[in-house]
Amino acid sequence: MAGWTLRYDPRVRKELERVRDKQVIERLKSAAETLKDEPFSGKPLRGYPGVWSKRVGTKGGEWRIIYMPLKSERVLLVVLIAPREEVYELLKRGGRRSREL
């Protein structure tokens, strides 16, 4: 079975532009790429139906990739990548918008 396609919400790129550590960025990109072959290796995100979270450990700390598997299209829509301590606050602020994507 062929892998899935990754698509990024434009806000994800904006968030990653703030990251200065190239090793952290490479680790996050690598983790996102592995989702193409293992889209359900993350965990369903409680309170956000259809939204999943993938934990990514980096030398810069713990990060989360928040994504939505769109099964009919075999697309993984990455809606947020942020440090663990920020991700849940960002979801609260933009949660309604994230679910509508």
PDB file of N, CA and C in Angstrom:
ATOM      1  N   MET A   1       0.834  -1.187   0.000  1.00  0.00           N
ATOM      2  CA  MET A   1       0.000   0.000   0.000  1.00  0.00           C
ATOM      3  C   MET A   1       0.877   1.248   0.000  1.00  0.00           C
ATOM      4  N   ALA A   2       0.557   2.186  -0.856  1.00  0.00           N
ATOM      5  CA  ALA A   2       1.362   3.413  -0.954  1.00  0.00           C
ATOM      6  C   ALA A   2       1.187   4.278   0.284  1.00  0.00           C
ATOM      7  N   GLY A   3       2.218   5.076   0.575  1.00  0.00           N
ATOM      8  CA  GLY A   3       2.168   5.961   1.729  1.00  0.00           C
ATOM      9  C   GLY A   3       1.185   7.105   1.536  1.00  0.00           C
ATOM     10  N   TRP A   4       1.064   7.896   2.538  1.00  0.00           N
ATOM     11  CA  TRP A   4       0.174   9.044   2.524  1.00  0.00           C
ATOM     12  C   TRP A   4       0.946  10.277   2.052  1.00  0.00           C
ATOM     13  N   THR A   5       0.203  11.326   1.729  1.00  0.00           N
ATOM     14  CA  THR A   5       0.791  12.593   1.314  1.00  0.00           C
ATOM     15  C   THR A   5       0.719  13.568   2.484  1.00  0.00           C
ATOM     16  N   LEU A   6       1.791  14.319   2.702  1.00  0.00           N
ATOM     17  CA  LEU A   6       1.797  15.352   3.743  1.00  0.00           C
ATOM     18  C   LEU A   6       1.403  16.686   3.130  1.00  0.00           C
ATOM     19  N   ARG A   7       0.540  17.408   3.824  1.00  0.00           N
ATOM     20  CA  ARG A   7       0.210  18.778   3.461  1.00  0.00           C
ATOM     21  C   ARG A   7       0.300  19.600   4.736  1.00  0.00           C
ATOM     22  N   TYR A   8       0.833  20.801   4.607  1.00  0.00           N
ATOM     23  CA  TYR A   8       1.022  21.654   5.775  1.00  0.00           C
ATOM     24  C   TYR A   8       0.116  22.874   5.698  1.00  0.00           C
ATOM     25  N   ASP A   9      -0.536  23.174   6.810  1.00  0.00           N
ATOM     26  CA  ASP A   9      -1.261  24.433   6.929  1.00  0.00           C
ATOM     27  C   ASP A   9      -0.212  25.548   6.872  1.00  0.00           C
ATOM     28  N   PRO A  10      -0.494  26.668   6.188  1.00  0.00           N
ATOM     29  CA  PRO A  10       0.494  27.757   6.096  1.00  0.00           C
ATOM     30  C   PRO A  10       0.968  28.265   7.460  1.00  0.00           C
ATOM     31  N   ARG A  11       0.143  28.147   8.477  1.00  0.00           N
ATOM     32  CA  ARG A  11       0.536  28.608   9.821  1.00  0.00           C
ATOM     33  C   ARG A  11       1.684  27.775  10.385  1.00  0.00           C
ATOM     34  N   VAL A  12       1.799  26.520   9.935  1.00  0.00           N
ATOM     35  CA  VAL A  12       2.885  25.653  10.414  1.00  0.00           C
ATOM     36  C   VAL A  12       4.225  26.211   9.957  1.00  0.00           C
ATOM     37  N   ARG A  13       4.302  26.585   8.699  1.00  0.00           N
ATOM     38  CA  ARG A  13       5.560  27.152   8.182  1.00  0.00           C
ATOM     39  C   ARG A  13       5.935  28.427   8.939  1.00  0.00           C
ATOM     40  N   LYS A  14       4.934  29.238   9.226  1.00  0.00           N
ATOM     41  CA  LYS A  14       5.176  30.478   9.968  1.00  0.00           C
ATOM     42  C   LYS A  14       5.738  30.166  11.361  1.00  0.00           C
ATOM     43  N   GLU A  15       5.172  29.171  12.014  1.00  0.00           N
ATOM     44  CA  GLU A  15       5.630  28.778  13.352  1.00  0.00           C
ATOM     45  C   GLU A  15       7.075  28.254  13.298  1.00  0.00           C
ATOM     46  N   LEU A  16       7.377  27.453  12.271  1.00  0.00           N
ATOM     47  CA  LEU A  16       8.723  26.876  12.169  1.00  0.00           C
ATOM     48  C   LEU A  16       9.782  27.925  11.832  1.00  0.00           C
ATOM     49  N   GLU A  17       9.389  29.022  11.199  1.00  0.00           N
ATOM     50  CA  GLU A  17      10.344  30.090  10.902  1.00  0.00           C
ATOM     51  C   GLU A  17      10.925  30.693  12.184  1.00  0.00           C
ATOM     52  N   ARG A  18      10.197  30.568  13.289  1.00  0.00           N
ATOM     53  CA  ARG A  18      10.675  31.102  14.570  1.00  0.00           C
ATOM     54  C   ARG A  18      11.754  30.229  15.195  1.00  0.00           C
ATOM     55  N   VAL A  19      11.850  28.972  14.751  1.00  0.00           N
ATOM     56  CA  VAL A  19      12.822  28.029  15.321  1.00  0.00           C
ATOM     57  C   VAL A  19      14.194  28.312  14.711  1.00  0.00           C
ATOM     58  N   ARG A  20      15.165  28.547  15.557  1.00  0.00           N
ATOM     59  CA  ARG A  20      16.514  28.887  15.094  1.00  0.00           C
ATOM     60  C   ARG A  20      17.442  27.679  14.991  1.00  0.00           C
ATOM     61  N   ASP A  21      17.118  26.613  15.691  1.00  0.00           N
ATOM     62  CA  ASP A  21      17.979  25.438  15.736  1.00  0.00           C
ATOM     63  C   ASP A  21      17.689  24.523  14.542  1.00  0.00           C
ATOM     64  N   LYS A  22      18.624  24.444  13.611  1.00  0.00           N
ATOM     65  CA  LYS A  22      18.430  23.641  12.396  1.00  0.00           C
ATOM     66  C   LYS A  22      18.280  22.150  12.709  1.00  0.00           C
ATOM     67  N   GLN A  23      18.921  21.659  13.761  1.00  0.00           N
ATOM     68  CA  GLN A  23      18.788  20.245  14.127  1.00  0.00           C
ATOM     69  C   GLN A  23      17.364  19.940  14.589  1.00  0.00           C
ATOM     70  N   VAL A  24      16.755  20.864  15.306  1.00  0.00           N
ATOM     71  CA  VAL A  24      15.369  20.682  15.749  1.00  0.00           C
ATOM     72  C   VAL A  24      14.456  20.644  14.529  1.00  0.00           C
ATOM     73  N   ILE A  25      14.648  21.563  13.598  1.00  0.00           N
ATOM     74  CA  ILE A  25      13.828  21.606  12.387  1.00  0.00           C
ATOM     75  C   ILE A  25      13.977  20.305  11.599  1.00  0.00           C
ATOM     76  N   GLU A  26      15.205  19.820  11.449  1.00  0.00           N
ATOM     77  CA  GLU A  26      15.433  18.571  10.714  1.00  0.00           C
ATOM     78  C   GLU A  26      14.756  17.389  11.411  1.00  0.00           C
ATOM     79  N   ARG A  27      14.815  17.347  12.736  1.00  0.00           N
ATOM     80  CA  ARG A  27      14.179  16.261  13.492  1.00  0.00           C
ATOM     81  C   ARG A  27      12.659  16.298  13.306  1.00  0.00           C
ATOM     82  N   LEU A  28      12.082  17.494  13.322  1.00  0.00           N
ATOM     83  CA  LEU A  28      10.637  17.634  13.137  1.00  0.00           C
ATOM     84  C   LEU A  28      10.228  17.221  11.720  1.00  0.00           C
ATOM     85  N   LYS A  29      11.013  17.633  10.737  1.00  0.00           N
ATOM     86  CA  LYS A  29      10.717  17.252   9.348  1.00  0.00           C
ATOM     87  C   LYS A  29      10.804  15.737   9.179  1.00  0.00           C
ATOM     88  N   SER A  30      11.818  15.144   9.767  1.00  0.00           N
ATOM     89  CA  SER A  30      12.002  13.697   9.680  1.00  0.00           C
ATOM     90  C   SER A  30      10.825  12.962  10.325  1.00  0.00           C
ATOM     91  N   ALA A  31      10.394  13.425  11.486  1.00  0.00           N
ATOM     92  CA  ALA A  31       9.261  12.805  12.181  1.00  0.00           C
ATOM     93  C   ALA A  31       7.984  12.938  11.356  1.00  0.00           C
ATOM     94  N   ALA A  32       7.781  14.095  10.740  1.00  0.00           N
ATOM     95  CA  ALA A  32       6.603  14.291   9.891  1.00  0.00           C
ATOM     96  C   ALA A  32       6.648  13.345   8.697  1.00  0.00           C
ATOM     97  N   GLU A  33       7.826  13.174   8.117  1.00  0.00           N
ATOM     98  CA  GLU A  33       7.974  12.272   6.967  1.00  0.00           C
ATOM     99  C   GLU A  33       7.632  10.826   7.343  1.00  0.00           C
ATOM    100  N   THR A  34       7.993  10.404   8.556  1.00  0.00           N
ATOM    101  CA  THR A  34       7.688   9.025   8.960  1.00  0.00           C
ATOM    102  C   THR A  34       6.185   8.797   9.084  1.00  0.00           C
ATOM    103  N   LEU A  35       5.435   9.872   9.316  1.00  0.00           N
ATOM    104  CA  LEU A  35       3.986   9.735   9.402  1.00  0.00           C
ATOM    105  C   LEU A  35       3.379   9.270   8.078  1.00  0.00           C
ATOM    106  N   LYS A  36       4.060   9.549   6.973  1.00  0.00           N
ATOM    107  CA  LYS A  36       3.530   9.147   5.668  1.00  0.00           C
ATOM    108  C   LYS A  36       3.374   7.632   5.571  1.00  0.00           C
ATOM    109  N   ASP A  37       4.237   6.885   6.247  1.00  0.00           N
ATOM    110  CA  ASP A  37       4.150   5.428   6.240  1.00  0.00           C
ATOM    111  C   ASP A  37       3.457   4.876   7.480  1.00  0.00           C
ATOM    112  N   GLU A  38       3.369   5.692   8.530  1.00  0.00           N
ATOM    113  CA  GLU A  38       2.743   5.260   9.787  1.00  0.00           C
ATOM    114  C   GLU A  38       1.815   6.365  10.291  1.00  0.00           C
ATOM    115  N   PRO A  39       0.722   6.648   9.560  1.00  0.00           N
ATOM    116  CA  PRO A  39      -0.111   7.807   9.898  1.00  0.00           C
ATOM    117  C   PRO A  39      -0.811   7.717  11.256  1.00  0.00           C
ATOM    118  N   PHE A  40      -0.946   6.515  11.782  1.00  0.00           N
ATOM    119  CA  PHE A  40      -1.634   6.391  13.064  1.00  0.00           C
ATOM    120  C   PHE A  40      -0.672   6.005  14.188  1.00  0.00           C
ATOM    121  N   SER A  41       0.611   6.407  14.027  1.00  0.00           N
ATOM    122  CA  SER A  41       1.602   6.141  15.066  1.00  0.00           C
ATOM    123  C   SER A  41       1.506   7.156  16.195  1.00  0.00           C
ATOM    124  N   GLY A  42       0.796   8.247  15.959  1.00  0.00           N
ATOM    125  CA  GLY A  42       0.547   9.222  17.021  1.00  0.00           C
ATOM    126  C   GLY A  42      -0.633   8.756  17.861  1.00  0.00           C
ATOM    127  N   LYS A  43      -1.217   9.694  18.605  1.00  0.00           N
ATOM    128  CA  LYS A  43      -2.378   9.374  19.430  1.00  0.00           C
ATOM    129  C   LYS A  43      -3.507  10.333  19.093  1.00  0.00           C
ATOM    130  N   PRO A  44      -4.749   9.839  19.152  1.00  0.00           N
ATOM    131  CA  PRO A  44      -5.880  10.757  18.965  1.00  0.00           C
ATOM    132  C   PRO A  44      -5.830  11.834  20.048  1.00  0.00           C
ATOM    133  N   LEU A  45      -6.124  13.056  19.659  1.00  0.00           N
ATOM    134  CA  LEU A  45      -6.061  14.180  20.598  1.00  0.00           C
ATOM    135  C   LEU A  45      -7.424  14.349  21.260  1.00  0.00           C
ATOM    136  N   ARG A  46      -7.469  14.154  22.556  1.00  0.00           N
ATOM    137  CA  ARG A  46      -8.722  14.243  23.308  1.00  0.00           C
ATOM    138  C   ARG A  46      -9.360  15.619  23.145  1.00  0.00           C
ATOM    139  N   GLY A  47     -10.652  15.625  22.879  1.00  0.00           N
ATOM    140  CA  GLY A  47     -11.386  16.874  22.751  1.00  0.00           C
ATOM    141  C   GLY A  47     -11.355  17.464  21.353  1.00  0.00           C
ATOM    142  N   TYR A  48     -10.628  16.823  20.439  1.00  0.00           N
ATOM    143  CA  TYR A  48     -10.521  17.293  19.055  1.00  0.00           C
ATOM    144  C   TYR A  48     -10.747  16.101  18.124  1.00  0.00           C
ATOM    145  N   PRO A  49     -12.005  15.794  17.813  1.00  0.00           N
ATOM    146  CA  PRO A  49     -12.297  14.628  16.972  1.00  0.00           C
ATOM    147  C   PRO A  49     -11.567  14.688  15.626  1.00  0.00           C
ATOM    148  N   GLY A  50     -10.947  13.577  15.253  1.00  0.00           N
ATOM    149  CA  GLY A  50     -10.260  13.491  13.973  1.00  0.00           C
ATOM    150  C   GLY A  50      -8.869  14.101  13.951  1.00  0.00           C
ATOM    151  N   VAL A  51      -8.412  14.583  15.108  1.00  0.00           N
ATOM    152  CA  VAL A  51      -7.099  15.230  15.197  1.00  0.00           C
ATOM    153  C   VAL A  51      -6.166  14.324  16.002  1.00  0.00           C
ATOM    154  N   TRP A  52      -4.934  14.179  15.513  1.00  0.00           N
ATOM    155  CA  TRP A  52      -3.940  13.313  16.144  1.00  0.00           C
ATOM    156  C   TRP A  52      -2.719  14.126  16.558  1.00  0.00           C
ATOM    157  N   SER A  53      -1.975  13.584  17.516  1.00  0.00           N
ATOM    158  CA  SER A  53      -0.767  14.228  18.018  1.00  0.00           C
ATOM    159  C   SER A  53       0.386  13.235  17.978  1.00  0.00           C
ATOM    160  N   LYS A  54       1.500  13.679  17.426  1.00  0.00           N
ATOM    161  CA  LYS A  54       2.718  12.861  17.390  1.00  0.00           C
ATOM    162  C   LYS A  54       3.770  13.532  18.255  1.00  0.00           C
ATOM    163  N   ARG A  55       4.283  12.805  19.226  1.00  0.00           N
ATOM    164  CA  ARG A  55       5.311  13.317  20.125  1.00  0.00           C
ATOM    165  C   ARG A  55       6.667  13.209  19.441  1.00  0.00           C
ATOM    166  N   VAL A  56       7.459  14.283  19.523  1.00  0.00           N
ATOM    167  CA  VAL A  56       8.787  14.293  18.911  1.00  0.00           C
ATOM    168  C   VAL A  56       9.783  14.842  19.933  1.00  0.00           C
ATOM    169  N   GLY A  57      10.734  13.999  20.309  1.00  0.00           N
ATOM    170  CA  GLY A  57      11.784  14.444  21.211  1.00  0.00           C
ATOM    171  C   GLY A  57      12.938  15.030  20.404  1.00  0.00           C
ATOM    172  N   THR A  58      13.419  16.191  20.830  1.00  0.00           N
ATOM    173  CA  THR A  58      14.563  16.808  20.173  1.00  0.00           C
ATOM    174  C   THR A  58      15.538  17.250  21.245  1.00  0.00           C
ATOM    175  N   LYS A  59      16.734  17.590  20.826  1.00  0.00           N
ATOM    176  CA  LYS A  59      17.717  18.104  21.783  1.00  0.00           C
ATOM    177  C   LYS A  59      17.236  19.420  22.378  1.00  0.00           C
ATOM    178  N   GLY A  60      16.329  20.097  21.656  1.00  0.00           N
ATOM    179  CA  GLY A  60      15.765  21.357  22.138  1.00  0.00           C
ATOM    180  C   GLY A  60      14.534  21.189  22.991  1.00  0.00           C
ATOM    181  N   GLY A  61      14.150  19.942  23.280  1.00  0.00           N
ATOM    182  CA  GLY A  61      12.975  19.696  24.109  1.00  0.00           C
ATOM    183  C   GLY A  61      11.919  18.890  23.368  1.00  0.00           C
ATOM    184  N   GLU A  62      10.795  18.702  24.026  1.00  0.00           N
ATOM    185  CA  GLU A  62       9.710  17.893  23.495  1.00  0.00           C
ATOM    186  C   GLU A  62       8.782  18.747  22.627  1.00  0.00           C
ATOM    187  N   TRP A  63       8.457  18.258  21.437  1.00  0.00           N
ATOM    188  CA  TRP A  63       7.579  18.951  20.497  1.00  0.00           C
ATOM    189  C   TRP A  63       6.396  18.059  20.164  1.00  0.00           C
ATOM    190  N   ARG A  64       5.350  18.656  19.579  1.00  0.00           N
ATOM    191  CA  ARG A  64       4.186  17.912  19.105  1.00  0.00           C
ATOM    192  C   ARG A  64       3.894  18.300  17.659  1.00  0.00           C
ATOM    193  N   ILE A  65       3.569  17.288  16.864  1.00  0.00           N
ATOM    194  CA  ILE A  65       3.049  17.509  15.520  1.00  0.00           C
ATOM    195  C   ILE A  65       1.558  17.189  15.608  1.00  0.00           C
ATOM    196  N   ILE A  66       0.718  18.162  15.331  1.00  0.00           N
ATOM    197  CA  ILE A  66      -0.726  17.993  15.378  1.00  0.00           C
ATOM    198  C   ILE A  66      -1.212  17.860  13.939  1.00  0.00           C
ATOM    199  N   TYR A  67      -1.918  16.783  13.663  1.00  0.00           N
ATOM    200  CA  TYR A  67      -2.314  16.515  12.277  1.00  0.00           C
ATOM    201  C   TYR A  67      -3.671  15.837  12.191  1.00  0.00           C
ATOM    202  N   MET A  68      -4.242  15.908  10.986  1.00  0.00           N
ATOM    203  CA  MET A  68      -5.532  15.299  10.715  1.00  0.00           C
ATOM    204  C   MET A  68      -5.376  14.316   9.551  1.00  0.00           C
ATOM    205  N   PRO A  69      -5.577  13.025   9.794  1.00  0.00           N
ATOM    206  CA  PRO A  69      -5.554  12.068   8.682  1.00  0.00           C
ATOM    207  C   PRO A  69      -6.868  12.162   7.903  1.00  0.00           C
ATOM    208  N   LEU A  70      -6.772  12.512   6.632  1.00  0.00           N
ATOM    209  CA  LEU A  70      -7.951  12.581   5.768  1.00  0.00           C
ATOM    210  C   LEU A  70      -7.967  11.281   4.963  1.00  0.00           C
ATOM    211  N   LYS A  71      -8.650  10.278   5.504  1.00  0.00           N
ATOM    212  CA  LYS A  71      -8.573   8.913   4.972  1.00  0.00           C
ATOM    213  C   LYS A  71      -8.980   8.812   3.514  1.00  0.00           C
ATOM    214  N   SER A  72     -10.056   9.476   3.121  1.00  0.00           N
ATOM    215  CA  SER A  72     -10.549   9.323   1.754  1.00  0.00           C
ATOM    216  C   SER A  72      -9.535   9.830   0.721  1.00  0.00           C
ATOM    217  N   GLU A  73      -8.714  10.817   1.110  1.00  0.00           N
ATOM    218  CA  GLU A  73      -7.712  11.377   0.203  1.00  0.00           C
ATOM    219  C   GLU A  73      -6.309  10.834   0.471  1.00  0.00           C
ATOM    220  N   ARG A  74      -6.155  10.079   1.572  1.00  0.00           N
ATOM    221  CA  ARG A  74      -4.830   9.604   2.019  1.00  0.00           C
ATOM    222  C   ARG A  74      -3.857  10.770   2.178  1.00  0.00           C
ATOM    223  N   VAL A  75      -4.368  11.819   2.827  1.00  0.00           N
ATOM    224  CA  VAL A  75      -3.586  13.033   3.081  1.00  0.00           C
ATOM    225  C   VAL A  75      -3.489  13.238   4.584  1.00  0.00           C
ATOM    226  N   LEU A  76      -2.297  13.606   5.032  1.00  0.00           N
ATOM    227  CA  LEU A  76      -2.096  13.999   6.425  1.00  0.00           C
ATOM    228  C   LEU A  76      -1.950  15.513   6.432  1.00  0.00           C
ATOM    229  N   LEU A  77      -2.926  16.191   6.990  1.00  0.00           N
ATOM    230  CA  LEU A  77      -2.891  17.646   7.055  1.00  0.00           C
ATOM    231  C   LEU A  77      -2.266  18.046   8.386  1.00  0.00           C
ATOM    232  N   VAL A  78      -1.055  18.572   8.334  1.00  0.00           N
ATOM    233  CA  VAL A  78      -0.353  19.012   9.542  1.00  0.00           C
ATOM    234  C   VAL A  78      -0.851  20.424   9.852  1.00  0.00           C
ATOM    235  N   VAL A  79      -1.536  20.560  10.991  1.00  0.00           N
ATOM    236  CA  VAL A  79      -2.153  21.842  11.330  1.00  0.00           C
ATOM    237  C   VAL A  79      -1.362  22.640  12.352  1.00  0.00           C
ATOM    238  N   LEU A  80      -0.422  21.977  13.053  1.00  0.00           N
ATOM    239  CA  LEU A  80       0.342  22.687  14.075  1.00  0.00           C
ATOM    240  C   LEU A  80       1.586  21.888  14.434  1.00  0.00           C
ATOM    241  N   ILE A  81       2.707  22.576  14.570  1.00  0.00           N
ATOM    242  CA  ILE A  81       3.926  22.000  15.133  1.00  0.00           C
ATOM    243  C   ILE A  81       4.427  23.024  16.144  1.00  0.00           C
ATOM    244  N   ALA A  82       4.575  22.583  17.389  1.00  0.00           N
ATOM    245  CA  ALA A  82       4.986  23.523  18.434  1.00  0.00           C
ATOM    246  C   ALA A  82       5.595  22.749  19.605  1.00  0.00           C
ATOM    247  N   PRO A  83       6.336  23.467  20.461  1.00  0.00           N
ATOM    248  CA  PRO A  83       6.852  22.826  21.679  1.00  0.00           C
ATOM    249  C   PRO A  83       5.683  22.339  22.538  1.00  0.00           C
ATOM    250  N   ARG A  84       5.896  21.242  23.230  1.00  0.00           N
ATOM    251  CA  ARG A  84       4.837  20.643  24.055  1.00  0.00           C
ATOM    252  C   ARG A  84       4.186  21.649  24.990  1.00  0.00           C
ATOM    253  N   GLU A  85       5.007  22.486  25.614  1.00  0.00           N
ATOM    254  CA  GLU A  85       4.454  23.415  26.598  1.00  0.00           C
ATOM    255  C   GLU A  85       3.613  24.529  25.959  1.00  0.00           C
ATOM    256  N   GLU A  86       3.727  24.713  24.651  1.00  0.00           N
ATOM    257  CA  GLU A  86       2.939  25.749  23.966  1.00  0.00           C
ATOM    258  C   GLU A  86       1.776  25.181  23.169  1.00  0.00           C
ATOM    259  N   VAL A  87       1.880  23.935  22.753  1.00  0.00           N
ATOM    260  CA  VAL A  87       0.945  23.403  21.769  1.00  0.00           C
ATOM    261  C   VAL A  87      -0.501  23.412  22.257  1.00  0.00           C
ATOM    262  N   TYR A  88      -0.739  23.079  23.518  1.00  0.00           N
ATOM    263  CA  TYR A  88      -2.106  22.986  23.993  1.00  0.00           C
ATOM    264  C   TYR A  88      -2.743  24.368  24.133  1.00  0.00           C
ATOM    265  N   GLU A  89      -1.953  25.362  24.506  1.00  0.00           N
ATOM    266  CA  GLU A  89      -2.470  26.733  24.563  1.00  0.00           C
ATOM    267  C   GLU A  89      -2.799  27.224  23.148  1.00  0.00           C
ATOM    268  N   LEU A  90      -1.933  26.920  22.187  1.00  0.00           N
ATOM    269  CA  LEU A  90      -2.192  27.308  20.801  1.00  0.00           C
ATOM    270  C   LEU A  90      -3.448  26.619  20.271  1.00  0.00           C
ATOM    271  N   LEU A  91      -3.654  25.371  20.648  1.00  0.00           N
ATOM    272  CA  LEU A  91      -4.858  24.655  20.227  1.00  0.00           C
ATOM    273  C   LEU A  91      -6.110  25.305  20.809  1.00  0.00           C
ATOM    274  N   LYS A  92      -6.035  25.709  22.073  1.00  0.00           N
ATOM    275  CA  LYS A  92      -7.193  26.366  22.693  1.00  0.00           C
ATOM    276  C   LYS A  92      -7.551  27.645  21.957  1.00  0.00           C
ATOM    277  N   ARG A  93      -6.530  28.429  21.604  1.00  0.00           N
ATOM    278  CA  ARG A  93      -6.773  29.699  20.910  1.00  0.00           C
ATOM    279  C   ARG A  93      -7.316  29.490  19.509  1.00  0.00           C
ATOM    280  N   GLY A  94      -6.759  28.484  18.805  1.00  0.00           N
ATOM    281  CA  GLY A  94      -7.156  28.287  17.414  1.00  0.00           C
ATOM    282  C   GLY A  94      -7.883  26.986  17.181  1.00  0.00           C
ATOM    283  N   GLY A  95      -8.318  26.331  18.264  1.00  0.00           N
ATOM    284  CA  GLY A  95      -8.910  25.014  18.159  1.00  0.00           C
ATOM    285  C   GLY A  95     -10.089  24.913  17.222  1.00  0.00           C
ATOM    286  N   ARG A  96     -10.996  25.873  17.291  1.00  0.00           N
ATOM    287  CA  ARG A  96     -12.175  25.811  16.431  1.00  0.00           C
ATOM    288  C   ARG A  96     -11.757  25.864  14.976  1.00  0.00           C
ATOM    289  N   ARG A  97     -10.813  26.754  14.674  1.00  0.00           N
ATOM    290  CA  ARG A  97     -10.327  26.872  13.299  1.00  0.00           C
ATOM    291  C   ARG A  97      -9.641  25.600  12.836  1.00  0.00           C
ATOM    292  N   SER A  98      -8.848  24.989  13.716  1.00  0.00           N
ATOM    293  CA  SER A  98      -8.140  23.762  13.355  1.00  0.00           C
ATOM    294  C   SER A  98      -9.113  22.649  12.990  1.00  0.00           C
ATOM    295  N   ARG A  99     -10.200  22.536  13.731  1.00  0.00           N
ATOM    296  CA  ARG A  99     -11.155  21.470  13.463  1.00  0.00           C
ATOM    297  C   ARG A  99     -11.900  21.674  12.152  1.00  0.00           C
ATOM    298  N   GLU A 100     -12.005  22.929  11.717  1.00  0.00           N
ATOM    299  CA  GLU A 100     -12.735  23.217  10.477  1.00  0.00           C
ATOM    300  C   GLU A 100     -11.899  22.942   9.241  1.00  0.00           C
ATOM    301  N   LEU A 101     -10.587  22.788   9.378  1.00  0.00           N
ATOM    302  CA  LEU A 101      -9.726  22.616   8.206  1.00  0.00           C
ATOM    303  C   LEU A 101     -10.026  21.355   7.463  1.00  0.00           C
TER     304      LEU A 101
END
